[in-house]
N, C-alpha and C. Protein backbone atom coordinates (compact mmCIF):
# COMPACT_ATOMS: atom_id res chain seq x y z
N MET A 1 28.34 32.58 -28.53
CA MET A 1 27.83 32.79 -27.19
C MET A 1 28.59 33.97 -26.59
N ASN A 2 27.81 34.90 -25.99
CA ASN A 2 28.52 36.06 -25.46
C ASN A 2 29.14 35.74 -24.10
N THR A 3 29.96 36.59 -23.63
CA THR A 3 30.76 36.35 -22.43
C THR A 3 29.88 36.25 -21.18
N LYS A 4 28.84 37.09 -21.08
CA LYS A 4 27.98 37.05 -19.90
C LYS A 4 27.27 35.70 -19.79
N ARG A 5 26.78 35.19 -20.89
CA ARG A 5 26.10 33.90 -20.87
C ARG A 5 27.07 32.78 -20.53
N LEU A 6 28.26 32.86 -21.05
CA LEU A 6 29.26 31.84 -20.77
C LEU A 6 29.60 31.81 -19.28
N VAL A 7 29.78 32.98 -18.69
CA VAL A 7 30.09 33.06 -17.26
C VAL A 7 28.89 32.57 -16.44
N ALA A 8 27.65 32.95 -16.84
CA ALA A 8 26.45 32.54 -16.11
C ALA A 8 26.28 31.03 -16.17
N PHE A 9 26.72 30.40 -17.23
CA PHE A 9 26.61 28.95 -17.35
C PHE A 9 27.76 28.23 -16.64
N ALA A 10 28.97 28.73 -16.81
CA ALA A 10 30.15 28.04 -16.31
C ALA A 10 30.34 28.21 -14.80
N LEU A 11 29.96 29.35 -14.24
CA LEU A 11 30.20 29.62 -12.83
C LEU A 11 29.50 28.60 -11.91
N PRO A 12 28.20 28.31 -12.10
CA PRO A 12 27.59 27.30 -11.23
C PRO A 12 28.23 25.92 -11.38
N CYS A 13 28.64 25.58 -12.60
CA CYS A 13 29.30 24.29 -12.81
C CYS A 13 30.63 24.23 -12.06
N LEU A 14 31.40 25.28 -12.13
CA LEU A 14 32.69 25.31 -11.44
C LEU A 14 32.51 25.28 -9.93
N LEU A 15 31.48 25.99 -9.42
CA LEU A 15 31.23 25.98 -7.98
C LEU A 15 30.83 24.58 -7.51
N ALA A 16 30.02 23.87 -8.31
CA ALA A 16 29.62 22.52 -7.94
C ALA A 16 30.82 21.58 -7.90
N VAL A 17 31.70 21.68 -8.88
CA VAL A 17 32.90 20.85 -8.92
C VAL A 17 33.79 21.16 -7.72
N TRP A 18 33.96 22.42 -7.43
CA TRP A 18 34.78 22.81 -6.28
C TRP A 18 34.19 22.28 -4.97
N ALA A 19 32.84 22.36 -4.82
CA ALA A 19 32.19 21.90 -3.59
C ALA A 19 32.38 20.40 -3.41
N LEU A 20 32.27 19.65 -4.50
CA LEU A 20 32.45 18.20 -4.41
C LEU A 20 33.89 17.83 -4.06
N GLN A 21 34.85 18.55 -4.61
CA GLN A 21 36.25 18.25 -4.34
C GLN A 21 36.69 18.68 -2.94
N SER A 22 36.03 19.70 -2.42
CA SER A 22 36.45 20.20 -1.11
C SER A 22 35.79 19.46 0.04
N GLY A 23 34.97 18.47 -0.26
CA GLY A 23 34.35 17.69 0.81
C GLY A 23 33.04 18.26 1.29
N ALA A 24 32.46 19.19 0.57
CA ALA A 24 31.18 19.76 0.97
C ALA A 24 30.01 18.98 0.38
N ALA A 25 30.26 17.73 0.07
CA ALA A 25 29.21 16.89 -0.51
C ALA A 25 28.15 16.58 0.54
N PRO A 26 26.94 16.22 0.09
CA PRO A 26 25.90 15.87 1.06
C PRO A 26 26.32 14.69 1.93
N ALA A 27 25.76 14.62 3.11
CA ALA A 27 26.09 13.55 4.06
C ALA A 27 25.66 12.21 3.50
N ALA A 28 26.41 11.20 3.81
CA ALA A 28 26.07 9.84 3.37
C ALA A 28 24.81 9.38 4.08
N ALA A 29 24.14 8.40 3.51
CA ALA A 29 22.86 7.93 4.04
C ALA A 29 23.00 7.44 5.48
N GLY A 30 24.13 6.92 5.86
CA GLY A 30 24.32 6.40 7.21
C GLY A 30 24.47 7.48 8.26
N ASN A 31 24.62 8.72 7.86
CA ASN A 31 24.87 9.80 8.81
C ASN A 31 23.59 10.47 9.32
N PHE A 32 22.41 10.02 8.86
CA PHE A 32 21.17 10.63 9.31
C PHE A 32 20.74 9.97 10.61
N GLU A 33 20.05 10.73 11.43
CA GLU A 33 19.56 10.15 12.67
C GLU A 33 18.34 9.29 12.39
N ALA A 34 18.11 8.33 13.24
CA ALA A 34 16.99 7.40 13.07
C ALA A 34 15.67 8.12 13.30
N ALA A 35 14.64 7.64 12.63
CA ALA A 35 13.31 8.23 12.80
C ALA A 35 12.84 7.99 14.24
N PRO A 36 12.19 8.98 14.83
CA PRO A 36 11.71 8.79 16.21
C PRO A 36 10.58 7.76 16.25
N VAL A 37 10.41 7.13 17.38
CA VAL A 37 9.34 6.14 17.58
C VAL A 37 8.52 6.55 18.80
N LEU A 38 7.23 6.22 18.74
CA LEU A 38 6.32 6.52 19.83
C LEU A 38 5.44 5.31 20.11
N ALA A 39 4.85 5.29 21.27
CA ALA A 39 3.83 4.28 21.56
C ALA A 39 2.60 4.62 20.73
N GLY A 40 1.94 3.61 20.20
CA GLY A 40 0.76 3.85 19.37
C GLY A 40 -0.34 4.58 20.11
N SER A 41 -0.45 4.37 21.42
CA SER A 41 -1.50 5.00 22.21
C SER A 41 -1.35 6.52 22.26
N VAL A 42 -0.17 7.03 21.97
CA VAL A 42 0.05 8.47 21.93
C VAL A 42 -0.58 9.07 20.67
N LEU A 43 -0.66 8.27 19.61
CA LEU A 43 -1.11 8.79 18.32
C LEU A 43 -2.58 8.50 17.99
N VAL A 44 -3.09 7.36 18.42
CA VAL A 44 -4.44 6.95 18.01
C VAL A 44 -5.23 6.37 19.19
N PRO A 45 -6.56 6.31 19.06
CA PRO A 45 -7.37 5.67 20.10
C PRO A 45 -7.10 4.18 20.19
N ALA A 46 -7.40 3.60 21.33
CA ALA A 46 -7.10 2.19 21.59
C ALA A 46 -7.81 1.24 20.63
N GLU A 47 -9.04 1.58 20.19
CA GLU A 47 -9.78 0.68 19.30
C GLU A 47 -9.13 0.55 17.92
N LEU A 48 -8.31 1.51 17.54
CA LEU A 48 -7.57 1.39 16.27
C LEU A 48 -6.30 0.58 16.45
N LEU A 49 -5.81 0.49 17.68
CA LEU A 49 -4.57 -0.26 17.92
C LEU A 49 -4.80 -1.76 18.01
N LYS A 50 -5.95 -2.16 18.54
CA LYS A 50 -6.21 -3.59 18.70
C LYS A 50 -7.70 -3.83 18.59
N GLY A 51 -8.03 -4.87 17.82
CA GLY A 51 -9.42 -5.26 17.65
C GLY A 51 -9.52 -6.75 17.43
N PRO A 52 -10.71 -7.26 17.16
CA PRO A 52 -10.88 -8.70 16.98
C PRO A 52 -10.17 -9.23 15.72
N LEU A 53 -9.92 -8.37 14.76
CA LEU A 53 -9.30 -8.81 13.50
C LEU A 53 -7.87 -8.32 13.31
N HIS A 54 -7.38 -7.49 14.21
CA HIS A 54 -6.06 -6.89 13.97
C HIS A 54 -5.36 -6.49 15.27
N ARG A 55 -4.08 -6.17 15.08
CA ARG A 55 -3.25 -5.60 16.14
C ARG A 55 -2.20 -4.75 15.44
N VAL A 56 -1.93 -3.57 15.98
CA VAL A 56 -0.90 -2.69 15.43
C VAL A 56 0.41 -2.95 16.16
N ALA A 57 1.47 -3.18 15.39
CA ALA A 57 2.79 -3.45 15.97
C ALA A 57 3.32 -2.21 16.68
N GLU A 58 3.94 -2.45 17.81
CA GLU A 58 4.53 -1.37 18.61
C GLU A 58 6.03 -1.44 18.54
N PRO A 59 6.76 -0.39 18.69
CA PRO A 59 6.35 1.00 18.67
C PRO A 59 6.10 1.47 17.24
N VAL A 60 5.51 2.64 17.12
CA VAL A 60 5.18 3.22 15.82
C VAL A 60 6.26 4.23 15.47
N SER A 61 6.87 4.06 14.29
CA SER A 61 7.89 5.04 13.87
C SER A 61 7.22 6.21 13.17
N LEU A 62 7.85 7.34 13.24
CA LEU A 62 7.32 8.54 12.59
C LEU A 62 8.00 8.71 11.24
N ASP A 63 7.18 9.02 10.24
CA ASP A 63 7.64 9.26 8.88
C ASP A 63 7.25 10.70 8.56
N GLY A 64 8.17 11.63 8.81
CA GLY A 64 7.81 13.04 8.68
C GLY A 64 6.88 13.40 9.83
N TYR A 65 5.69 13.90 9.49
CA TYR A 65 4.71 14.24 10.51
C TYR A 65 3.68 13.14 10.73
N PHE A 66 3.84 12.02 10.05
CA PHE A 66 2.87 10.93 10.10
C PHE A 66 3.46 9.70 10.78
N GLY A 67 2.60 8.95 11.45
CA GLY A 67 3.02 7.68 12.02
C GLY A 67 2.98 6.60 10.95
N ARG A 68 3.95 5.71 10.96
CA ARG A 68 3.97 4.56 10.05
C ARG A 68 3.53 3.35 10.87
N PHE A 69 2.31 2.90 10.61
CA PHE A 69 1.70 1.82 11.37
C PHE A 69 1.82 0.50 10.60
N VAL A 70 2.11 -0.58 11.30
CA VAL A 70 2.12 -1.91 10.71
C VAL A 70 0.97 -2.69 11.34
N ILE A 71 -0.02 -3.02 10.51
CA ILE A 71 -1.19 -3.75 10.97
C ILE A 71 -0.95 -5.23 10.76
N GLU A 72 -1.07 -6.01 11.82
CA GLU A 72 -0.93 -7.47 11.74
C GLU A 72 -2.32 -8.08 11.90
N SER A 73 -2.71 -8.88 10.90
CA SER A 73 -4.02 -9.53 10.95
C SER A 73 -3.91 -10.92 10.36
N LYS A 74 -4.99 -11.69 10.43
CA LYS A 74 -4.97 -13.03 9.85
C LYS A 74 -4.95 -12.96 8.32
N PHE A 75 -5.18 -11.77 7.76
CA PHE A 75 -5.13 -11.58 6.31
C PHE A 75 -3.75 -11.15 5.84
N GLY A 76 -2.83 -10.93 6.76
CA GLY A 76 -1.47 -10.51 6.41
C GLY A 76 -1.08 -9.25 7.15
N LYS A 77 0.09 -8.73 6.76
CA LYS A 77 0.60 -7.48 7.35
C LYS A 77 0.37 -6.36 6.35
N PHE A 78 -0.04 -5.22 6.87
CA PHE A 78 -0.26 -4.03 6.06
C PHE A 78 0.49 -2.87 6.69
N SER A 79 1.18 -2.10 5.87
CA SER A 79 1.87 -0.92 6.36
C SER A 79 1.15 0.32 5.83
N VAL A 80 0.77 1.21 6.73
CA VAL A 80 0.07 2.43 6.34
C VAL A 80 0.74 3.62 6.98
N VAL A 81 0.59 4.77 6.33
CA VAL A 81 1.16 6.01 6.85
C VAL A 81 0.01 6.94 7.20
N GLY A 82 -0.05 7.33 8.45
CA GLY A 82 -1.05 8.29 8.89
C GLY A 82 -2.20 7.65 9.63
N VAL A 83 -2.78 8.42 10.54
CA VAL A 83 -3.88 7.95 11.38
C VAL A 83 -5.12 7.70 10.52
N LYS A 84 -5.37 8.57 9.56
CA LYS A 84 -6.56 8.43 8.72
C LYS A 84 -6.52 7.12 7.92
N MET A 85 -5.37 6.80 7.33
CA MET A 85 -5.25 5.56 6.57
C MET A 85 -5.32 4.35 7.49
N LEU A 86 -4.85 4.48 8.71
CA LEU A 86 -4.97 3.38 9.67
C LEU A 86 -6.45 3.08 9.92
N GLY A 87 -7.25 4.10 10.14
CA GLY A 87 -8.68 3.92 10.35
C GLY A 87 -9.36 3.28 9.16
N ILE A 88 -8.99 3.69 7.95
CA ILE A 88 -9.57 3.12 6.74
C ILE A 88 -9.23 1.64 6.63
N ARG A 89 -7.96 1.29 6.82
CA ARG A 89 -7.55 -0.11 6.70
C ARG A 89 -8.18 -0.99 7.77
N VAL A 90 -8.32 -0.49 8.99
CA VAL A 90 -8.94 -1.27 10.06
C VAL A 90 -10.40 -1.56 9.70
N HIS A 91 -11.11 -0.58 9.17
CA HIS A 91 -12.50 -0.81 8.77
C HIS A 91 -12.59 -1.74 7.55
N GLU A 92 -11.59 -1.74 6.69
CA GLU A 92 -11.59 -2.65 5.54
C GLU A 92 -11.41 -4.10 5.96
N LEU A 93 -10.78 -4.33 7.10
CA LEU A 93 -10.60 -5.70 7.58
C LEU A 93 -11.94 -6.38 7.83
N ALA A 94 -12.92 -5.62 8.32
CA ALA A 94 -14.26 -6.18 8.53
C ALA A 94 -14.89 -6.57 7.20
N ALA A 95 -14.66 -5.77 6.16
CA ALA A 95 -15.19 -6.09 4.83
C ALA A 95 -14.52 -7.34 4.27
N ILE A 96 -13.23 -7.49 4.48
CA ILE A 96 -12.51 -8.69 4.01
C ILE A 96 -13.06 -9.92 4.72
N GLU A 97 -13.31 -9.80 6.00
CA GLU A 97 -13.87 -10.92 6.78
C GLU A 97 -15.24 -11.31 6.22
N ALA A 98 -16.09 -10.33 5.93
CA ALA A 98 -17.42 -10.61 5.38
C ALA A 98 -17.32 -11.28 4.02
N LEU A 99 -16.38 -10.83 3.18
CA LEU A 99 -16.19 -11.45 1.87
C LEU A 99 -15.74 -12.90 2.00
N GLN A 100 -14.88 -13.17 2.95
CA GLN A 100 -14.43 -14.55 3.13
C GLN A 100 -15.57 -15.44 3.61
N GLN A 101 -16.46 -14.91 4.43
CA GLN A 101 -17.61 -15.69 4.86
C GLN A 101 -18.55 -15.98 3.70
N VAL A 102 -18.73 -15.01 2.81
CA VAL A 102 -19.57 -15.22 1.63
C VAL A 102 -18.94 -16.26 0.72
N GLN A 103 -17.64 -16.17 0.51
CA GLN A 103 -16.95 -17.11 -0.37
C GLN A 103 -17.01 -18.54 0.15
N SER A 104 -17.08 -18.71 1.45
CA SER A 104 -17.12 -20.06 1.99
C SER A 104 -18.55 -20.60 2.10
N SER A 105 -19.56 -19.77 1.78
CA SER A 105 -20.94 -20.23 1.89
C SER A 105 -21.30 -21.17 0.73
N GLN A 106 -22.28 -22.02 0.96
CA GLN A 106 -22.72 -22.98 -0.04
C GLN A 106 -23.36 -22.28 -1.23
N ALA A 107 -24.10 -21.21 -1.00
CA ALA A 107 -24.74 -20.48 -2.10
C ALA A 107 -23.69 -19.91 -3.06
N PHE A 108 -22.61 -19.39 -2.53
CA PHE A 108 -21.55 -18.86 -3.39
C PHE A 108 -20.91 -19.97 -4.21
N GLN A 109 -20.66 -21.10 -3.58
CA GLN A 109 -20.02 -22.21 -4.29
C GLN A 109 -20.95 -22.77 -5.37
N ASP A 110 -22.27 -22.83 -5.10
CA ASP A 110 -23.22 -23.27 -6.12
C ASP A 110 -23.27 -22.30 -7.29
N SER A 111 -23.26 -21.00 -6.99
CA SER A 111 -23.26 -19.99 -8.05
C SER A 111 -21.99 -20.06 -8.87
N LEU A 112 -20.87 -20.29 -8.23
CA LEU A 112 -19.61 -20.41 -8.94
C LEU A 112 -19.63 -21.62 -9.88
N LEU A 113 -20.21 -22.71 -9.43
CA LEU A 113 -20.32 -23.91 -10.26
C LEU A 113 -21.22 -23.65 -11.46
N ARG A 114 -22.36 -22.97 -11.24
CA ARG A 114 -23.25 -22.63 -12.36
C ARG A 114 -22.57 -21.70 -13.35
N ALA A 115 -21.82 -20.71 -12.85
CA ALA A 115 -21.13 -19.77 -13.74
C ALA A 115 -20.05 -20.47 -14.54
N ALA A 116 -19.35 -21.41 -13.94
CA ALA A 116 -18.29 -22.13 -14.63
C ALA A 116 -18.86 -23.08 -15.69
N SER A 117 -20.06 -23.63 -15.44
CA SER A 117 -20.63 -24.58 -16.39
C SER A 117 -21.42 -23.89 -17.50
N ALA A 118 -21.72 -22.60 -17.38
CA ALA A 118 -22.50 -21.89 -18.39
C ALA A 118 -21.86 -21.93 -19.77
N PRO A 119 -20.55 -21.68 -19.94
CA PRO A 119 -19.96 -21.75 -21.28
C PRO A 119 -20.05 -23.16 -21.89
N VAL A 120 -19.93 -24.18 -21.06
CA VAL A 120 -20.02 -25.56 -21.55
C VAL A 120 -21.44 -25.84 -22.06
N LEU A 121 -22.44 -25.37 -21.31
CA LEU A 121 -23.83 -25.55 -21.73
C LEU A 121 -24.12 -24.78 -23.01
N PHE A 122 -23.53 -23.60 -23.16
CA PHE A 122 -23.72 -22.81 -24.38
C PHE A 122 -23.15 -23.54 -25.58
N VAL A 123 -21.94 -24.06 -25.47
CA VAL A 123 -21.33 -24.79 -26.58
C VAL A 123 -22.15 -26.03 -26.91
N LYS A 124 -22.63 -26.71 -25.90
CA LYS A 124 -23.45 -27.92 -26.12
C LYS A 124 -24.72 -27.56 -26.89
N SER A 125 -25.38 -26.47 -26.48
CA SER A 125 -26.61 -26.07 -27.18
C SER A 125 -26.31 -25.56 -28.58
N ALA A 126 -25.14 -24.96 -28.79
CA ALA A 126 -24.77 -24.48 -30.13
C ALA A 126 -24.59 -25.65 -31.07
N VAL A 127 -24.12 -26.77 -30.57
CA VAL A 127 -23.89 -27.95 -31.40
C VAL A 127 -25.21 -28.71 -31.64
N THR A 128 -25.99 -28.87 -30.58
CA THR A 128 -27.21 -29.67 -30.71
C THR A 128 -28.39 -28.90 -31.28
N ASP A 129 -28.48 -27.61 -31.02
CA ASP A 129 -29.61 -26.81 -31.51
C ASP A 129 -29.07 -25.55 -32.18
N ARG A 130 -28.54 -25.70 -33.38
CA ARG A 130 -27.90 -24.57 -34.08
C ARG A 130 -28.88 -23.45 -34.35
N LEU A 131 -30.05 -23.77 -34.81
CA LEU A 131 -31.04 -22.75 -35.15
C LEU A 131 -31.51 -22.00 -33.90
N GLY A 132 -31.73 -22.71 -32.84
CA GLY A 132 -32.16 -22.10 -31.59
C GLY A 132 -31.08 -21.22 -30.99
N THR A 133 -29.83 -21.58 -31.17
CA THR A 133 -28.73 -20.78 -30.63
C THR A 133 -28.61 -19.45 -31.36
N VAL A 134 -28.83 -19.49 -32.68
CA VAL A 134 -28.75 -18.25 -33.49
C VAL A 134 -29.85 -17.33 -33.06
């Protein structure tokens, strides 16, 4: 290895070691200032903050240039970053509600029972009517 390459390699290493020993190390995690917080009404329209299926926890902390919203609903808590994702998640709550209504309907439960019994009926027909099953 020639001398120029050795110096080009060793110099940054020596500078890093010197910086760490002299106390020029990066600040510890506890030395950063807390993320700013704002009222949700400053960032989004009122219909996104509260609706029949949800409520956004106040205050809203900022994560970089985006708000970090915590949505509280009967389906659980959801954390989203950004106004656009907040709008998407709020609209998805209506879809979750519709799915739960379908799941609790009698037609869905009857279909589920038929689907669960189909393999049993297939095995029964395979045993009793072998030629027909083939």
